[in-house]
Amino acid sequence: MTWLMNGERPQSVTAVTQQIKPQIYSRVDDEATIILKYPQAQAIVQASWNWPFDRKDMEVYGQMGYVITLKRDEIRVRRAQDKPEEQLAAKPVPAPYDSELSYFRAVILDGAKEDGLSSLDTNVTVTEILDAARRSAQEGKTVLLPQR
């Protein structure tokens, strides 16, 4: 969400965690729901070690339609002016951004600009969000993030 919001920090973070399988994950919570509140948007992040298979999907809803990822390379799109939903192939990620190692090499050796999902600024904000989520779950209340 930080990347989708062009690096904007949320105003607040609310999180609930739960331990559903203590016999397997005895020292950690295995479920988390995190709500990020922005002035004009809201994000709900659901994370789990408890699901029967891995998921890396996302749903984005806007005023004019929605996009839902199905797989790494497929999306469902519906725009307000369109009647039916469309299933489309996602555009491939260009090199060197298509591989973590290729990207790392390009930044270190070739002077490629760090940006997007892998930028330091994005990851600092994500770390602040995750820290606020941890505190919110422990304290049972919403955590306000200072705005810069």
Protein backbone atom coordinates (compact mmCIF):
# COMPACT_ATOMS: atom_id res chain seq x y z
CA MET A 1 0.00 0.00 0.00
CA THR A 2 2.91 2.34 0.69
CA TRP A 3 4.01 1.93 -2.93
CA LEU A 4 0.45 2.37 -4.26
CA MET A 5 0.14 5.57 -2.20
CA ASN A 6 3.39 6.96 -3.66
CA GLY A 7 5.19 6.69 -0.33
CA GLU A 8 2.49 8.41 1.73
CA ARG A 9 2.41 7.28 5.34
CA PRO A 10 -0.92 6.22 6.80
CA GLN A 11 -2.45 8.40 9.49
CA SER A 12 -3.06 5.42 11.74
CA VAL A 13 -2.47 1.69 12.05
CA THR A 14 -4.81 -0.76 13.79
CA ALA A 15 -3.91 -4.42 14.13
CA VAL A 16 -5.38 -7.58 15.58
CA THR A 17 -3.33 -10.75 15.87
CA GLN A 18 -4.26 -14.26 16.90
CA GLN A 19 -2.58 -17.55 17.57
CA ILE A 20 -4.68 -20.30 16.00
CA LYS A 21 -2.15 -23.15 15.85
CA PRO A 22 -0.06 -22.94 19.03
CA GLN A 23 0.99 -26.57 18.58
CA ILE A 24 2.76 -25.58 15.33
CA TYR A 25 3.59 -21.91 15.91
CA SER A 26 4.12 -21.95 19.67
CA ARG A 27 5.98 -18.66 19.99
CA VAL A 28 4.31 -16.40 17.42
CA ASP A 29 0.91 -15.23 16.27
CA ASP A 30 -0.08 -16.93 13.05
CA GLU A 31 -2.85 -14.55 11.96
CA ALA A 32 -2.84 -10.76 11.60
CA THR A 33 -5.24 -8.18 10.23
CA ILE A 34 -3.86 -4.66 9.83
CA ILE A 35 -5.94 -1.61 8.89
CA LEU A 36 -4.13 1.40 7.47
CA LYS A 37 -6.08 4.67 7.44
CA TYR A 38 -5.19 7.37 4.91
CA PRO A 39 -7.03 10.67 4.33
CA GLN A 40 -8.62 9.35 1.11
CA ALA A 41 -8.09 5.59 1.34
CA GLN A 42 -8.04 2.56 3.59
CA ALA A 43 -6.01 -0.63 3.31
CA ILE A 44 -6.71 -3.96 4.94
CA VAL A 45 -3.71 -6.26 5.11
CA GLN A 46 -4.34 -9.91 5.98
CA ALA A 47 -1.34 -12.01 6.81
CA SER A 48 -1.21 -15.62 7.93
CA TRP A 49 0.96 -18.65 8.36
CA ASN A 50 -2.24 -20.62 8.90
CA TRP A 51 -3.67 -20.75 5.37
CA PRO A 52 -3.57 -24.08 3.53
CA PHE A 53 -1.51 -22.56 0.67
CA ASP A 54 0.46 -19.39 0.04
CA ARG A 55 -1.33 -16.30 -1.27
CA LYS A 56 0.13 -13.18 -2.80
CA ASP A 57 -3.01 -11.58 -4.13
CA MET A 58 -4.34 -8.04 -3.90
CA GLU A 59 -7.62 -6.24 -4.51
CA VAL A 60 -7.71 -2.51 -5.23
CA TYR A 61 -11.03 -0.67 -5.36
CA GLY A 62 -11.33 2.91 -6.58
CA GLN A 63 -14.04 5.35 -7.57
CA MET A 64 -13.98 4.22 -11.19
CA GLY A 65 -13.47 0.46 -10.86
CA TYR A 66 -11.29 -2.27 -9.44
CA VAL A 67 -8.29 -4.49 -10.13
CA ILE A 68 -7.80 -7.92 -8.57
CA THR A 69 -4.62 -9.92 -8.99
CA LEU A 70 -5.16 -13.61 -9.65
CA LYS A 71 -1.65 -14.88 -10.14
CA ARG A 72 1.71 -13.30 -10.79
CA ASP A 73 0.69 -12.62 -14.36
CA GLU A 74 -3.12 -12.38 -14.44
CA ILE A 75 -5.53 -9.68 -13.28
CA ARG A 76 -9.26 -9.04 -13.29
CA VAL A 77 -10.33 -5.50 -14.13
CA ARG A 78 -13.67 -3.76 -14.14
CA ARG A 79 -14.07 -0.09 -14.93
CA ALA A 80 -17.21 1.92 -14.24
CA GLN A 81 -17.88 2.41 -17.95
CA ASP A 82 -17.43 -1.31 -18.70
CA LYS A 83 -20.28 -3.70 -18.12
CA PRO A 84 -18.47 -7.02 -17.75
CA GLU A 85 -15.28 -7.68 -15.86
CA GLU A 86 -12.19 -8.46 -17.99
CA GLN A 87 -9.45 -10.94 -17.26
CA LEU A 88 -6.12 -9.72 -18.62
CA ALA A 89 -2.49 -10.73 -18.68
CA ALA A 90 -0.41 -8.48 -16.47
CA LYS A 91 2.45 -6.65 -18.13
CA PRO A 92 5.77 -8.39 -17.43
CA VAL A 93 8.15 -6.61 -15.09
CA PRO A 94 11.13 -5.34 -17.11
CA ALA A 95 14.71 -6.35 -16.32
CA PRO A 96 16.49 -5.82 -13.98
CA TYR A 97 13.40 -5.37 -11.76
CA ASP A 98 12.08 -8.85 -12.54
CA SER A 99 14.55 -10.54 -10.20
CA GLU A 100 15.74 -9.50 -6.75
CA LEU A 101 19.31 -10.56 -7.52
CA SER A 102 19.40 -8.85 -10.91
CA TYR A 103 18.01 -5.68 -9.36
CA PHE A 104 20.53 -5.82 -6.49
CA ARG A 105 23.37 -6.24 -8.98
CA ALA A 106 22.08 -3.38 -11.12
CA VAL A 107 21.94 -1.02 -8.14
CA ILE A 108 25.33 -2.01 -6.72
CA LEU A 109 27.37 -2.46 -9.89
CA ASP A 110 25.57 -0.56 -12.62
CA GLY A 111 24.31 2.44 -10.65
CA ALA A 112 20.62 1.71 -11.28
CA LYS A 113 18.31 3.97 -9.29
CA GLU A 114 16.63 2.33 -6.33
CA ASP A 115 12.91 3.02 -6.54
CA GLY A 116 9.49 1.49 -6.23
CA LEU A 117 8.90 -1.47 -3.97
CA SER A 118 12.59 -1.91 -3.22
CA SER A 119 13.48 1.68 -2.40
CA LEU A 120 14.90 2.56 0.98
CA ASP A 121 12.19 5.19 1.57
CA THR A 122 9.42 2.69 0.89
CA ASN A 123 10.97 0.08 3.15
CA VAL A 124 11.54 2.55 6.02
CA THR A 125 7.85 3.46 5.87
CA VAL A 126 6.85 -0.21 5.74
CA THR A 127 9.01 -0.91 8.80
CA GLU A 128 7.31 1.96 10.67
CA ILE A 129 3.90 0.55 9.71
CA LEU A 130 4.83 -2.96 10.88
CA ASP A 131 6.21 -1.60 14.16
CA ALA A 132 2.98 0.37 14.70
CA ALA A 133 0.96 -2.77 13.89
CA ARG A 134 2.92 -4.77 16.47
CA ARG A 135 2.30 -2.07 19.10
CA SER A 136 -1.38 -1.81 18.15
CA ALA A 137 -1.91 -5.55 18.56
CA GLN A 138 -0.06 -5.60 21.91
CA GLU A 139 -1.86 -2.55 23.31
CA GLY A 140 -5.26 -3.25 21.78
CA LYS A 141 -5.60 0.24 20.33
CA THR A 142 -5.00 2.24 17.19
CA VAL A 143 -1.54 3.76 16.80
CA LEU A 144 -1.27 7.21 15.23
CA LEU A 145 1.75 7.78 13.01
CA PRO A 146 3.44 11.16 13.09
CA GLN A 147 3.16 12.88 9.73
CA ARG A 148 6.29 14.28 8.10
